[in-house]
């Protein structure tokens, strides 16, 4: 590689997390944060964030899936296109092709995304040790976001800070080459880039949100399921409480409600709707922490106290959903008439 100085994307410092609850799949979180650094309308991507609690139940309880592997119905490629972004995927590439193509891509103002084992990167090893990640998870793949390159380093933007905030860090090419040599079949998979090609399609988002409201029916029984499983999950998971189905389910609910609140701030919905979902998001975040502490044997709250909180949250969800659907049906226009970029 003959890059003497770093080619760096403009505005790297504007890439900030829009998912403080860290519930999204790593690639989706990166897409969302990158889009947020480029347009003030990235919150439109969360119009369907409430999703289906039955789908969360199937993923976390029936399949034993972690929150980060859940395929959320929001921040999708189709919705990124509505926002004015084009996602181009090239699948798996070899090391020479990655090295040769990266400078040209970055010089054109486009980031690069690839998957690789996270334990090959020193900053990830340090993070996993600090946060008590169980050993079998060290080898999991992570999506890496590349925003700069020189002959010696690549500039990654990653979120291994304690608050999951994104920050830039330079990683030597030797780290990538050594890791690739160890497990070449697991490196540079899922390679992709994102390009901003236009302005947001307000009518497209309006139609998508109205379709979401028309199909949104949920009894929120998942809150009862989490409460019923507290004692059993406490015995089963202990120190690995963050992997328990109840914790993963609540983290997905808390994260999705927090993102939906961001979407609501751009709509014509009234203050009662916005306040209801802001309260739900706050309570869901708090209950996620309390359930994880309980399952780890650290909580001062009893199982019955937590169950009462979950039952209250279910009731709030039911009331807010009715209000949301009724108001949406009555509004002649939900999203702003004019959408323009920076």
Protein backbone atom coordinates (compact mmCIF):
# COMPACT_ATOMS: atom_id res chain seq x y z
CA UNK A 1 0.00 0.00 0.00
CA UNK A 2 1.41 3.38 -1.04
CA UNK A 3 -0.67 5.65 1.20
CA UNK A 4 1.82 8.02 2.86
CA UNK A 5 -0.68 9.92 4.98
CA UNK A 6 -4.06 9.00 6.33
CA UNK A 7 -7.10 9.28 4.07
CA UNK A 8 -9.84 10.13 6.55
CA UNK A 9 -13.57 10.53 6.06
CA UNK A 10 -14.83 14.03 6.85
CA UNK A 11 -17.01 14.34 9.94
CA UNK A 12 -15.75 11.23 11.73
CA UNK A 13 -16.16 13.07 15.03
CA UNK A 14 -19.90 13.37 14.34
CA UNK A 15 -20.39 9.59 14.44
CA UNK A 16 -22.02 9.18 17.84
CA UNK A 17 -24.10 6.39 19.23
CA UNK A 18 -27.85 6.68 18.70
CA UNK A 19 -28.38 3.42 20.61
CA UNK A 20 -27.21 4.13 24.18
CA UNK A 21 -28.92 0.92 25.38
CA UNK A 22 -26.69 -1.07 23.01
CA UNK A 23 -29.47 -3.40 21.91
CA UNK A 24 -29.01 -3.30 18.14
CA UNK A 25 -26.95 -5.71 16.08
CA UNK A 26 -23.51 -4.09 15.73
CA UNK A 27 -23.84 -3.48 11.97
CA UNK A 28 -27.25 -1.84 12.33
CA UNK A 29 -25.97 0.34 15.17
CA UNK A 30 -23.13 1.46 12.90
CA UNK A 31 -25.43 2.18 9.96
CA UNK A 32 -27.70 4.20 12.23
CA UNK A 33 -24.88 6.21 13.79
CA UNK A 34 -23.21 6.85 10.45
CA UNK A 35 -26.50 8.03 8.94
CA UNK A 36 -26.97 10.24 12.00
CA UNK A 37 -23.63 11.90 11.29
CA UNK A 38 -24.80 12.77 7.78
CA UNK A 39 -28.42 13.86 8.16
CA UNK A 40 -30.60 15.27 10.95
CA UNK A 41 -33.42 12.96 9.79
CA UNK A 42 -31.90 9.62 10.79
CA UNK A 43 -34.51 9.29 13.55
CA UNK A 44 -37.07 8.54 10.84
CA UNK A 45 -35.49 5.08 10.60
CA UNK A 46 -37.08 4.20 13.95
CA UNK A 47 -40.74 4.55 12.90
CA UNK A 48 -41.31 0.81 13.41
CA UNK A 49 -39.17 0.46 16.50
CA UNK A 50 -42.00 -0.78 18.74
CA UNK A 51 -41.94 -4.01 16.76
CA UNK A 52 -43.57 -7.16 18.10
CA UNK A 53 -43.01 -8.42 21.64
CA UNK A 54 -44.03 -11.90 20.40
CA UNK A 55 -41.10 -11.83 17.98
CA UNK A 56 -38.77 -10.83 20.82
CA UNK A 57 -40.15 -13.70 22.91
CA UNK A 58 -39.49 -16.20 20.12
CA UNK A 59 -35.93 -14.96 19.69
CA UNK A 60 -34.90 -14.72 23.33
CA UNK A 61 -36.89 -17.50 24.98
CA UNK A 62 -37.60 -20.09 22.30
CA UNK A 63 -34.30 -19.77 20.42
CA UNK A 64 -32.05 -18.59 23.24
CA UNK A 65 -30.81 -15.65 21.18
CA UNK A 66 -28.90 -12.63 22.48
CA UNK A 67 -30.20 -9.12 21.90
CA UNK A 68 -27.40 -8.36 19.44
CA UNK A 69 -28.42 -11.18 17.11
CA UNK A 70 -32.07 -10.11 16.93
CA UNK A 71 -33.10 -8.94 13.47
CA UNK A 72 -34.94 -5.75 14.36
CA UNK A 73 -37.68 -4.58 11.97
CA UNK A 74 -36.13 -1.10 12.08
CA UNK A 75 -32.92 0.32 10.58
CA UNK A 76 -33.34 -1.82 7.49
CA UNK A 77 -31.70 -1.46 4.09
CA UNK A 78 -35.06 -0.52 2.58
CA UNK A 79 -35.56 2.27 5.11
CA UNK A 80 -32.01 3.50 4.61
CA UNK A 81 -32.90 3.91 0.93
CA UNK A 82 -35.94 5.96 1.97
CA UNK A 83 -33.57 8.11 4.02
CA UNK A 84 -31.42 8.71 0.95
CA UNK A 85 -28.65 6.17 1.54
CA UNK A 86 -27.54 3.28 -0.62
CA UNK A 87 -26.01 0.16 0.95
CA UNK A 88 -23.67 -1.79 -1.31
CA UNK A 89 -22.65 -5.27 -0.18
CA UNK A 90 -19.82 -7.30 -1.71
CA UNK A 91 -19.79 -10.26 0.66
CA UNK A 92 -16.44 -11.85 1.51
CA UNK A 93 -13.20 -10.51 0.04
CA UNK A 94 -9.60 -11.62 0.48
CA UNK A 95 -6.92 -9.53 2.17
CA UNK A 96 -5.23 -8.22 -1.00
CA UNK A 97 -8.56 -7.00 -2.40
CA UNK A 98 -9.45 -5.30 0.89
CA UNK A 99 -6.07 -3.59 1.11
CA UNK A 100 -6.18 -2.45 -2.51
CA UNK A 101 -9.76 -1.19 -2.50
CA UNK A 102 -9.90 0.63 0.82
CA UNK A 103 -8.03 3.86 -0.11
CA UNK A 104 -10.18 4.43 -3.19
CA UNK A 105 -13.39 3.84 -1.26
CA UNK A 106 -12.44 6.23 1.54
CA UNK A 107 -11.16 8.85 -0.91
CA UNK A 108 -14.65 8.79 -2.44
CA UNK A 109 -16.08 9.64 0.99
CA UNK A 110 -17.49 6.19 1.77
CA UNK A 111 -16.87 4.14 4.92
CA UNK A 112 -16.06 0.43 4.80
CA UNK A 113 -17.67 -2.26 6.94
CA UNK A 114 -16.41 -5.80 7.48
CA UNK A 115 -16.80 -8.66 9.95
CA UNK A 116 -13.92 -10.29 11.79
CA UNK A 117 -13.39 -12.12 15.12
CA UNK A 118 -13.35 -9.49 17.81
CA UNK A 119 -10.78 -11.28 19.99
CA UNK A 120 -8.14 -10.59 17.33
CA UNK A 121 -8.26 -6.89 18.27
CA UNK A 122 -6.49 -5.77 21.49
CA UNK A 123 -9.08 -3.09 22.29
CA UNK A 124 -11.84 -5.72 22.17
CA UNK A 125 -9.91 -8.16 24.35
CA UNK A 126 -9.41 -5.43 26.94
CA UNK A 127 -13.09 -4.47 26.80
CA UNK A 128 -14.33 -8.07 27.16
CA UNK A 129 -12.06 -8.69 30.13
CA UNK A 130 -13.20 -5.47 31.78
CA UNK A 131 -16.89 -6.24 31.33
CA UNK A 132 -16.77 -9.90 32.34
CA UNK A 133 -17.63 -11.40 28.97
CA UNK A 134 -17.78 -15.17 29.21
CA UNK A 135 -14.87 -16.95 27.42
CA UNK A 136 -16.98 -18.65 24.74
CA UNK A 137 -18.11 -15.26 23.45
CA UNK A 138 -14.60 -13.96 22.75
CA UNK A 139 -14.53 -15.55 19.30
CA UNK A 140 -17.78 -13.97 18.10
CA UNK A 141 -17.68 -11.86 14.95
CA UNK A 142 -18.05 -8.09 15.16
CA UNK A 143 -18.76 -5.54 12.47
CA UNK A 144 -15.86 -3.11 12.12
CA UNK A 145 -16.37 0.38 10.71
CA UNK A 146 -13.35 1.78 8.84
CA UNK A 147 -13.20 5.55 8.40
CA UNK A 148 -9.55 6.12 7.52
CA UNK A 149 -6.44 4.45 6.16
CA UNK A 150 -2.71 5.06 5.84
CA UNK A 151 0.25 2.87 4.98
CA UNK A 152 0.61 1.91 8.65
CA UNK A 153 -2.88 2.04 10.17
CA UNK A 154 -6.60 1.80 9.60
CA UNK A 155 -8.86 4.20 11.48
CA UNK A 156 -11.72 2.35 13.12
CA UNK A 157 -14.74 3.88 14.81
CA UNK A 158 -15.85 1.49 17.55
CA UNK A 159 -17.95 1.47 20.71
CA UNK A 160 -15.99 -0.40 23.36
CA UNK A 161 -16.26 2.52 25.79
CA UNK A 162 -18.12 1.79 29.02
CA UNK A 163 -21.06 3.92 27.82
CA UNK A 164 -20.99 2.28 24.36
CA UNK A 165 -20.12 5.61 22.76
CA UNK A 166 -18.30 5.53 19.44
CA UNK A 167 -14.76 6.80 19.26
CA UNK A 168 -11.99 6.66 16.63
CA UNK A 169 -8.88 4.57 17.18
CA UNK A 170 -5.99 3.69 14.91
CA UNK A 171 -5.22 -0.02 14.54
CA UNK A 172 -2.03 -1.18 12.85
CA UNK A 173 -2.21 -3.16 9.65
CA UNK A 174 -0.21 -5.83 11.47
CA UNK A 175 -3.25 -6.52 13.67
CA UNK A 176 -5.39 -7.14 10.59
CA UNK A 177 -2.78 -9.20 8.79
CA UNK A 178 -2.01 -11.36 11.83
CA UNK A 179 -5.69 -11.93 12.56
CA UNK A 180 -6.43 -12.80 8.95
CA UNK A 181 -3.54 -15.28 8.92
CA UNK A 182 -4.97 -17.03 11.98
CA UNK A 183 -8.54 -17.43 10.67
CA UNK A 184 -8.74 -16.28 7.06
CA UNK A 185 -12.15 -17.86 6.53
CA UNK A 186 -13.68 -15.61 9.24
CA UNK A 187 -12.14 -12.33 8.09
CA UNK A 188 -13.49 -9.65 5.72
CA UNK A 189 -16.93 -11.28 5.56
CA UNK A 190 -20.07 -9.21 5.01
CA UNK A 191 -18.07 -6.35 3.47
CA UNK A 192 -20.22 -3.33 2.63
CA UNK A 193 -20.27 0.42 2.21
CA UNK A 194 -22.89 3.15 2.57
CA UNK A 195 -23.31 6.11 0.25
CA UNK A 196 -25.61 9.11 0.62
CA UNK A 197 -27.34 9.56 -2.72
CA UNK A 198 -30.35 11.77 -2.04
CA UNK A 199 -32.76 13.40 0.36
CA UNK A 200 -35.23 11.60 2.65
CA UNK A 201 -38.50 10.45 1.11
CA UNK A 202 -41.08 11.93 3.49
CA UNK A 203 -44.01 10.35 1.70
CA UNK A 204 -42.31 6.96 1.85
CA UNK A 205 -41.78 7.24 5.61
CA UNK A 206 -45.33 8.52 6.10
CA UNK A 207 -46.71 5.52 4.26
CA UNK A 208 -44.42 3.13 6.13
CA UNK A 209 -45.42 4.50 9.52
CA UNK A 210 -49.13 4.42 8.72
CA UNK A 211 -48.80 0.81 7.60
CA UNK A 212 -46.97 0.04 10.86
CA UNK A 213 -49.75 1.62 12.92
CA UNK A 214 -52.42 -0.23 10.98
CA UNK A 215 -50.78 -3.57 11.77
CA UNK A 216 -49.64 -2.86 15.33
CA UNK A 217 -51.50 -5.16 17.71
CA UNK A 218 -49.75 -6.40 20.83
CA UNK A 219 -50.88 -7.69 24.20
CA UNK A 220 -47.39 -7.20 25.72
CA UNK A 221 -47.58 -10.57 27.51
CA UNK A 222 -43.79 -10.69 27.34
CA UNK A 223 -43.62 -8.58 30.51
CA UNK A 224 -45.46 -11.36 32.37
CA UNK A 225 -43.14 -14.00 30.88
CA UNK A 226 -40.09 -12.11 32.16
CA UNK A 227 -41.60 -11.90 35.63
CA UNK A 228 -42.56 -15.56 35.73
CA UNK A 229 -39.02 -16.65 34.83
CA UNK A 230 -37.07 -14.55 37.35
CA UNK A 231 -36.33 -17.25 39.91
CA UNK A 232 -35.53 -19.99 37.38
CA UNK A 233 -33.25 -17.71 35.35
CA UNK A 234 -31.45 -16.55 38.49
CA UNK A 235 -30.50 -20.16 39.25
CA UNK A 236 -29.53 -20.88 35.65
CA UNK A 237 -27.43 -17.85 34.71
CA UNK A 238 -25.82 -16.28 37.78
CA UNK A 239 -22.69 -14.37 36.77
CA UNK A 240 -23.72 -14.52 33.10
CA UNK A 241 -27.02 -12.77 33.86
CA UNK A 242 -26.61 -10.51 30.85
CA UNK A 243 -27.30 -13.55 28.65
CA UNK A 244 -30.56 -14.53 30.35
CA UNK A 245 -33.70 -14.42 28.18
CA UNK A 246 -35.37 -11.96 30.55
CA UNK A 247 -32.48 -9.50 30.38
CA UNK A 248 -32.16 -9.79 26.61
CA UNK A 249 -35.91 -9.32 26.17
CA UNK A 250 -36.08 -6.25 28.38
CA UNK A 251 -32.97 -4.76 26.79
CA UNK A 252 -34.62 -5.07 23.37
CA UNK A 253 -37.82 -3.50 24.69
CA UNK A 254 -35.98 -0.67 26.44
CA UNK A 255 -33.78 0.05 23.44
CA UNK A 256 -36.64 0.00 20.96
CA UNK A 257 -38.81 2.30 23.07
CA UNK A 258 -35.94 4.75 23.47
CA UNK A 259 -35.44 4.87 19.70
CA UNK A 260 -39.16 5.21 19.08
CA UNK A 261 -39.17 8.29 21.31
CA UNK A 262 -36.60 9.84 18.99
CA UNK A 263 -38.88 9.19 16.03
CA UNK A 264 -41.89 10.68 17.84
CA UNK A 265 -40.03 13.97 18.28
CA UNK A 266 -40.26 14.49 14.50
CA UNK A 267 -43.99 13.80 14.25
CA UNK A 268 -47.27 15.61 14.77
CA UNK A 269 -48.16 13.33 17.67
CA UNK A 270 -49.22 15.29 20.74
CA UNK A 271 -47.50 15.64 24.07
CA UNK A 272 -49.57 12.90 25.80
CA UNK A 273 -48.26 10.30 23.33
CA UNK A 274 -44.69 11.54 23.54
CA UNK A 275 -44.78 11.69 27.34
CA UNK A 276 -46.27 8.20 27.58
CA UNK A 277 -43.50 6.62 25.53
CA UNK A 278 -40.78 8.64 27.23
CA UNK A 279 -42.03 7.26 30.55
CA UNK A 280 -42.19 3.71 29.18
CA UNK A 281 -38.62 3.98 27.88
CA UNK A 282 -37.31 5.24 31.23
CA UNK A 283 -39.08 2.52 33.19
CA UNK A 284 -37.98 -0.20 30.77
CA UNK A 285 -34.33 0.87 31.07
CA UNK A 286 -34.60 0.86 34.86
CA UNK A 287 -36.27 -2.55 34.96
CA UNK A 288 -33.64 -4.00 32.65
CA UNK A 289 -30.96 -3.00 35.14
CA UNK A 290 -32.98 -4.30 38.09
CA UNK A 291 -33.71 -7.65 36.46
CA UNK A 292 -30.05 -8.15 35.53
CA UNK A 293 -28.99 -7.28 39.08
CA UNK A 294 -31.58 -9.67 40.50
CA UNK A 295 -30.48 -12.52 38.26
CA UNK A 296 -26.85 -11.89 39.24
CA UNK A 297 -27.81 -12.03 42.92
CA UNK A 298 -27.12 -8.33 43.49
CA UNK A 299 -30.54 -6.68 43.61
CA UNK A 300 -32.13 -5.33 46.77
CA UNK A 301 -35.55 -5.76 45.11
CA UNK A 302 -37.47 -8.99 45.53
CA UNK A 303 -38.91 -10.98 42.63
CA UNK A 304 -42.41 -9.85 43.62
CA UNK A 305 -41.37 -6.18 43.56
CA UNK A 306 -39.90 -6.59 40.10
CA UNK A 307 -43.01 -8.43 38.90
CA UNK A 308 -45.18 -5.54 40.06
CA UNK A 309 -43.01 -3.15 38.09
CA UNK A 310 -43.30 -5.35 35.00
CA UNK A 311 -47.08 -5.57 35.36
CA UNK A 312 -47.28 -1.78 35.64
CA UNK A 313 -45.14 -1.37 32.55
CA UNK A 314 -47.38 -3.76 30.60
CA UNK A 315 -50.41 -1.67 31.54
CA UNK A 316 -48.66 1.53 30.45
CA UNK A 317 -47.76 -0.08 27.12
CA UNK A 318 -51.37 -1.12 26.48
CA UNK A 319 -52.68 2.37 27.21
CA UNK A 320 -50.00 4.11 25.17
CA UNK A 321 -50.54 1.82 22.16
CA UNK A 322 -54.27 2.60 22.07
CA UNK A 323 -53.56 6.31 22.29
CA UNK A 324 -50.87 6.10 19.60
CA UNK A 325 -53.02 4.19 17.12
CA UNK A 326 -56.11 6.36 17.63
CA UNK A 327 -54.17 9.60 17.30
CA UNK A 328 -52.26 8.40 14.24
CA UNK A 329 -55.51 7.51 12.49
CA UNK A 330 -56.92 10.97 13.20
CA UNK A 331 -53.91 12.99 12.04
CA UNK A 332 -54.13 14.13 8.38
CA UNK A 333 -50.32 14.31 8.23
CA UNK A 334 -47.92 12.78 10.73
CA UNK A 335 -44.49 13.73 9.40
CA UNK A 336 -43.26 17.22 8.50
CA UNK A 337 -44.12 18.41 5.00
CA UNK A 338 -40.60 19.52 4.12
CA UNK A 339 -37.55 17.32 4.68
CA UNK A 340 -34.16 18.65 3.66
CA UNK A 341 -30.57 17.73 4.41
CA UNK A 342 -27.93 19.81 6.14
